[in-house]
Amino acid sequence: MKLIDYQNGVKEYVLPTANNPQYLFTGLAGEVGEVCSLYAKAVRDTCPQHIVTNNLIKELGDVMWFVAMLCNYYGLDLEDVMESNLDKLSRRKANGTIQGSGDER
């Protein structure tokens, strides 16, 4: 699947009351929490390597929905966002600043 097809496709599943920054940002945080919860439960119950892959796929898909919808809301192209991230990481690697903190490194 192409990113643009996904980004356009998610629009079919948004409720009118959900297409706003308040819902999209807090929903994204909630879904990231669910991904983290899968890991926490795996640590508690067995070991981190035993996360049920199907559950992880479902939760990461929910995270992606919110990311794509935030891109749609703000008029961003998901592919541009991803390319920008790789460019940033490439610059940091070239500068020897992959490790560390802060956006401007």
N, C-alpha and C. Protein backbone atom coordinates (compact mmCIF):
# COMPACT_ATOMS: atom_id res chain seq x y z
N MET A 1 0.83 -1.18 0.00
CA MET A 1 0.00 0.00 0.00
C MET A 1 0.88 1.24 0.00
N LYS A 2 0.47 2.20 -0.77
CA LYS A 2 1.19 3.47 -0.81
C LYS A 2 0.71 4.35 0.35
N LEU A 3 1.62 5.15 0.87
CA LEU A 3 1.29 6.00 2.01
C LEU A 3 0.13 6.93 1.71
N ILE A 4 0.11 7.51 0.53
CA ILE A 4 -0.96 8.45 0.18
C ILE A 4 -2.31 7.74 0.15
N ASP A 5 -2.31 6.48 -0.28
CA ASP A 5 -3.57 5.72 -0.29
C ASP A 5 -4.07 5.50 1.14
N TYR A 6 -3.15 5.20 2.05
CA TYR A 6 -3.53 5.04 3.45
C TYR A 6 -4.02 6.37 4.02
N GLN A 7 -3.25 7.42 3.78
CA GLN A 7 -3.61 8.72 4.33
C GLN A 7 -4.98 9.17 3.84
N ASN A 8 -5.27 8.93 2.59
CA ASN A 8 -6.60 9.28 2.06
C ASN A 8 -7.67 8.32 2.56
N GLY A 9 -7.29 7.05 2.69
CA GLY A 9 -8.26 6.03 3.10
C GLY A 9 -8.78 6.21 4.51
N VAL A 10 -7.93 6.70 5.43
CA VAL A 10 -8.37 6.84 6.82
C VAL A 10 -9.47 7.87 6.97
N LYS A 11 -9.57 8.78 6.01
CA LYS A 11 -10.61 9.83 6.08
C LYS A 11 -12.02 9.24 6.08
N GLU A 12 -12.16 8.04 5.49
CA GLU A 12 -13.48 7.41 5.41
C GLU A 12 -14.00 6.97 6.77
N TYR A 13 -13.12 6.89 7.77
CA TYR A 13 -13.49 6.31 9.05
C TYR A 13 -13.47 7.30 10.21
N VAL A 14 -13.43 8.58 9.89
CA VAL A 14 -13.42 9.58 10.95
C VAL A 14 -14.84 10.12 11.16
N LEU A 15 -15.24 10.13 12.41
CA LEU A 15 -16.53 10.74 12.75
C LEU A 15 -16.37 12.25 12.74
N PRO A 16 -17.41 12.99 12.39
CA PRO A 16 -17.31 14.45 12.38
C PRO A 16 -16.84 15.03 13.71
N THR A 17 -17.24 14.41 14.81
CA THR A 17 -16.84 14.90 16.13
C THR A 17 -15.41 14.54 16.50
N ALA A 18 -14.76 13.72 15.67
CA ALA A 18 -13.39 13.28 15.96
C ALA A 18 -12.34 13.99 15.13
N ASN A 19 -12.77 14.82 14.20
CA ASN A 19 -11.81 15.48 13.30
C ASN A 19 -11.44 16.85 13.86
N ASN A 20 -10.76 16.82 14.99
CA ASN A 20 -10.32 18.05 15.64
C ASN A 20 -9.05 17.76 16.43
N PRO A 21 -8.23 18.77 16.67
CA PRO A 21 -6.94 18.53 17.34
C PRO A 21 -7.08 17.93 18.73
N GLN A 22 -8.09 18.34 19.48
CA GLN A 22 -8.24 17.82 20.84
C GLN A 22 -8.38 16.30 20.82
N TYR A 23 -9.26 15.80 19.96
CA TYR A 23 -9.45 14.35 19.89
C TYR A 23 -8.24 13.66 19.29
N LEU A 24 -7.70 14.21 18.22
CA LEU A 24 -6.60 13.54 17.52
C LEU A 24 -5.34 13.44 18.38
N PHE A 25 -4.98 14.50 19.08
CA PHE A 25 -3.78 14.45 19.92
C PHE A 25 -3.97 13.53 21.13
N THR A 26 -5.11 13.65 21.80
CA THR A 26 -5.31 12.81 22.98
C THR A 26 -5.55 11.36 22.59
N GLY A 27 -6.19 11.14 21.45
CA GLY A 27 -6.37 9.78 20.96
C GLY A 27 -5.05 9.12 20.61
N LEU A 28 -4.15 9.89 19.99
CA LEU A 28 -2.83 9.36 19.68
C LEU A 28 -2.10 8.96 20.95
N ALA A 29 -2.16 9.82 21.96
CA ALA A 29 -1.50 9.50 23.23
C ALA A 29 -2.08 8.23 23.84
N GLY A 30 -3.40 8.09 23.76
CA GLY A 30 -4.04 6.89 24.29
C GLY A 30 -3.60 5.63 23.57
N GLU A 31 -3.51 5.70 22.25
CA GLU A 31 -3.10 4.52 21.48
C GLU A 31 -1.63 4.16 21.73
N VAL A 32 -0.79 5.17 21.86
CA VAL A 32 0.62 4.90 22.20
C VAL A 32 0.66 4.22 23.57
N GLY A 33 -0.20 4.66 24.48
CA GLY A 33 -0.30 4.01 25.79
C GLY A 33 -0.68 2.55 25.67
N GLU A 34 -1.58 2.23 24.75
CA GLU A 34 -1.98 0.84 24.55
C GLU A 34 -0.83 0.00 24.00
N VAL A 35 -0.02 0.58 23.12
CA VAL A 35 1.16 -0.13 22.62
C VAL A 35 2.11 -0.42 23.79
N CYS A 36 2.34 0.58 24.62
CA CYS A 36 3.22 0.41 25.77
C CYS A 36 2.64 -0.60 26.75
N SER A 37 1.33 -0.63 26.89
CA SER A 37 0.68 -1.57 27.78
C SER A 37 0.90 -3.02 27.33
N LEU A 38 0.90 -3.24 26.03
CA LEU A 38 1.20 -4.58 25.53
C LEU A 38 2.57 -5.04 26.00
N TYR A 39 3.54 -4.15 25.92
CA TYR A 39 4.90 -4.47 26.35
C TYR A 39 4.94 -4.71 27.85
N ALA A 40 4.28 -3.84 28.62
CA ALA A 40 4.26 -4.00 30.08
C ALA A 40 3.66 -5.35 30.48
N LYS A 41 2.58 -5.73 29.82
CA LYS A 41 1.95 -7.01 30.14
C LYS A 41 2.83 -8.18 29.75
N ALA A 42 3.56 -8.05 28.66
CA ALA A 42 4.49 -9.11 28.26
C ALA A 42 5.61 -9.25 29.27
N VAL A 43 6.10 -8.13 29.78
CA VAL A 43 7.15 -8.18 30.81
C VAL A 43 6.60 -8.83 32.07
N ARG A 44 5.40 -8.42 32.44
CA ARG A 44 4.77 -8.96 33.66
C ARG A 44 4.49 -10.45 33.54
N ASP A 45 3.97 -10.88 32.40
CA ASP A 45 3.48 -12.25 32.27
C ASP A 45 4.53 -13.25 31.78
N THR A 46 5.41 -12.83 30.91
CA THR A 46 6.39 -13.78 30.35
C THR A 46 7.71 -13.07 30.19
N CYS A 47 7.90 -12.52 29.00
CA CYS A 47 9.08 -11.72 28.73
C CYS A 47 8.78 -10.83 27.53
N PRO A 48 9.52 -9.73 27.37
CA PRO A 48 9.21 -8.76 26.32
C PRO A 48 9.20 -9.34 24.90
N GLN A 49 9.90 -10.43 24.69
CA GLN A 49 9.95 -11.00 23.35
C GLN A 49 8.64 -11.71 22.99
N HIS A 50 7.75 -11.87 23.96
CA HIS A 50 6.52 -12.61 23.71
C HIS A 50 5.29 -11.73 23.53
N ILE A 51 5.47 -10.54 23.02
CA ILE A 51 4.31 -9.72 22.68
C ILE A 51 3.56 -10.42 21.55
N VAL A 52 2.26 -10.51 21.68
CA VAL A 52 1.45 -11.15 20.64
C VAL A 52 1.46 -10.22 19.43
N THR A 53 2.06 -10.70 18.35
CA THR A 53 2.26 -9.87 17.17
C THR A 53 0.96 -9.32 16.60
N ASN A 54 -0.09 -10.11 16.58
CA ASN A 54 -1.37 -9.63 16.04
C ASN A 54 -1.89 -8.45 16.85
N ASN A 55 -1.74 -8.49 18.16
CA ASN A 55 -2.18 -7.37 19.00
C ASN A 55 -1.33 -6.13 18.74
N LEU A 56 -0.03 -6.34 18.58
CA LEU A 56 0.87 -5.22 18.29
C LEU A 56 0.52 -4.58 16.95
N ILE A 57 0.24 -5.40 15.96
CA ILE A 57 -0.15 -4.88 14.65
C ILE A 57 -1.42 -4.03 14.77
N LYS A 58 -2.39 -4.51 15.52
CA LYS A 58 -3.64 -3.77 15.68
C LYS A 58 -3.41 -2.42 16.37
N GLU A 59 -2.63 -2.43 17.44
CA GLU A 59 -2.40 -1.19 18.19
C GLU A 59 -1.54 -0.21 17.39
N LEU A 60 -0.52 -0.71 16.70
CA LEU A 60 0.30 0.18 15.86
C LEU A 60 -0.54 0.74 14.72
N GLY A 61 -1.48 -0.05 14.21
CA GLY A 61 -2.39 0.45 13.19
C GLY A 61 -3.23 1.60 13.70
N ASP A 62 -3.67 1.50 14.95
CA ASP A 62 -4.44 2.60 15.55
C ASP A 62 -3.57 3.84 15.70
N VAL A 63 -2.30 3.66 16.08
CA VAL A 63 -1.37 4.79 16.16
C VAL A 63 -1.22 5.43 14.79
N MET A 64 -1.07 4.61 13.77
CA MET A 64 -0.90 5.13 12.41
C MET A 64 -2.14 5.90 11.96
N TRP A 65 -3.33 5.43 12.33
CA TRP A 65 -4.56 6.13 11.97
C TRP A 65 -4.51 7.55 12.52
N PHE A 66 -4.17 7.68 13.79
CA PHE A 66 -4.12 9.00 14.39
C PHE A 66 -3.04 9.88 13.76
N VAL A 67 -1.87 9.31 13.46
CA VAL A 67 -0.80 10.08 12.81
C VAL A 67 -1.27 10.56 11.44
N ALA A 68 -1.88 9.67 10.68
CA ALA A 68 -2.36 10.05 9.34
C ALA A 68 -3.46 11.10 9.44
N MET A 69 -4.34 10.98 10.41
CA MET A 69 -5.41 11.96 10.56
C MET A 69 -4.87 13.31 11.01
N LEU A 70 -3.85 13.32 11.86
CA LEU A 70 -3.22 14.59 12.23
C LEU A 70 -2.58 15.24 11.01
N CYS A 71 -1.95 14.43 10.16
CA CYS A 71 -1.39 14.96 8.92
C CYS A 71 -2.51 15.56 8.07
N ASN A 72 -3.61 14.85 7.94
CA ASN A 72 -4.73 15.36 7.15
C ASN A 72 -5.26 16.66 7.74
N TYR A 73 -5.43 16.72 9.04
CA TYR A 73 -5.98 17.89 9.68
C TYR A 73 -5.11 19.13 9.43
N TYR A 74 -3.80 18.93 9.50
CA TYR A 74 -2.88 20.06 9.34
C TYR A 74 -2.35 20.22 7.91
N GLY A 75 -2.90 19.46 6.98
CA GLY A 75 -2.52 19.60 5.57
C GLY A 75 -1.11 19.13 5.27
N LEU A 76 -0.65 18.12 6.01
CA LEU A 76 0.70 17.58 5.81
C LEU A 76 0.61 16.28 5.03
N ASP A 77 1.63 16.02 4.25
CA ASP A 77 1.74 14.76 3.53
C ASP A 77 2.53 13.79 4.40
N LEU A 78 1.94 12.64 4.70
CA LEU A 78 2.59 11.65 5.55
C LEU A 78 3.96 11.25 5.02
N GLU A 79 4.08 11.14 3.72
CA GLU A 79 5.37 10.79 3.12
C GLU A 79 6.40 11.89 3.37
N ASP A 80 5.99 13.15 3.28
CA ASP A 80 6.90 14.26 3.56
C ASP A 80 7.35 14.24 5.02
N VAL A 81 6.43 13.92 5.92
CA VAL A 81 6.77 13.85 7.35
C VAL A 81 7.83 12.77 7.57
N MET A 82 7.64 11.62 6.96
CA MET A 82 8.58 10.51 7.12
C MET A 82 9.93 10.82 6.48
N GLU A 83 9.90 11.43 5.31
CA GLU A 83 11.16 11.82 4.65
C GLU A 83 11.91 12.86 5.48
N SER A 84 11.19 13.81 6.04
CA SER A 84 11.80 14.83 6.88
C SER A 84 12.47 14.19 8.10
N ASN A 85 11.82 13.18 8.67
CA ASN A 85 12.39 12.50 9.81
C ASN A 85 13.69 11.78 9.44
N LEU A 86 13.69 11.10 8.30
CA LEU A 86 14.91 10.42 7.85
C LEU A 86 16.03 11.42 7.55
N ASP A 87 15.68 12.56 6.96
CA ASP A 87 16.68 13.60 6.71
C ASP A 87 17.29 14.09 8.01
N LYS A 88 16.44 14.32 9.01
CA LYS A 88 16.91 14.78 10.32
C LYS A 88 17.86 13.75 10.93
N LEU A 89 17.47 12.48 10.88
CA LEU A 89 18.31 11.43 11.44
C LEU A 89 19.63 11.30 10.69
N SER A 90 19.57 11.46 9.38
CA SER A 90 20.79 11.40 8.57
C SER A 90 21.75 12.52 8.94
N ARG A 91 21.22 13.74 9.13
CA ARG A 91 22.06 14.87 9.55
C ARG A 91 22.68 14.61 10.92
N ARG A 92 21.89 14.09 11.83
CA ARG A 92 22.41 13.80 13.17
C ARG A 92 23.50 12.74 13.12
N LYS A 93 23.30 11.73 12.30
CA LYS A 93 24.32 10.69 12.17
C LYS A 93 25.61 11.28 11.60
N ALA A 94 25.47 12.09 10.56
CA ALA A 94 26.64 12.72 9.94
C ALA A 94 27.36 13.65 10.91
N ASN A 95 26.60 14.30 11.80
CA ASN A 95 27.18 15.22 12.78
C ASN A 95 27.63 14.52 14.06
N GLY A 96 27.38 13.23 14.14
CA GLY A 96 27.73 12.49 15.36
C GLY A 96 26.84 12.83 16.53
N THR A 97 25.60 13.24 16.25
CA THR A 97 24.70 13.67 17.33
C THR A 97 23.43 12.81 17.42
N ILE A 98 23.50 11.56 16.93
CA ILE A 98 22.35 10.67 17.06
C ILE A 98 22.03 10.49 18.54
N GLN A 99 23.07 10.27 19.34
CA GLN A 99 22.87 10.11 20.78
C GLN A 99 22.81 11.50 21.41
N GLY A 100 21.99 11.65 22.37
CA GLY A 100 21.85 12.95 23.04
C GLY A 100 20.40 13.35 23.09
N SER A 101 20.15 14.60 23.43
CA SER A 101 18.78 15.06 23.50
C SER A 101 18.68 16.48 22.97
N GLY A 102 17.47 16.87 22.68
CA GLY A 102 17.23 18.19 22.11
C GLY A 102 17.01 18.10 20.62
N ASP A 103 16.11 18.93 20.13
CA ASP A 103 15.78 18.89 18.70
C ASP A 103 16.88 19.44 17.82
N GLU A 104 17.56 20.47 18.28
CA GLU A 104 18.57 21.15 17.45
C GLU A 104 19.96 20.62 17.77
N ARG A 105 20.25 19.42 17.29
CA ARG A 105 21.58 18.84 17.50
C ARG A 105 22.11 18.27 16.23
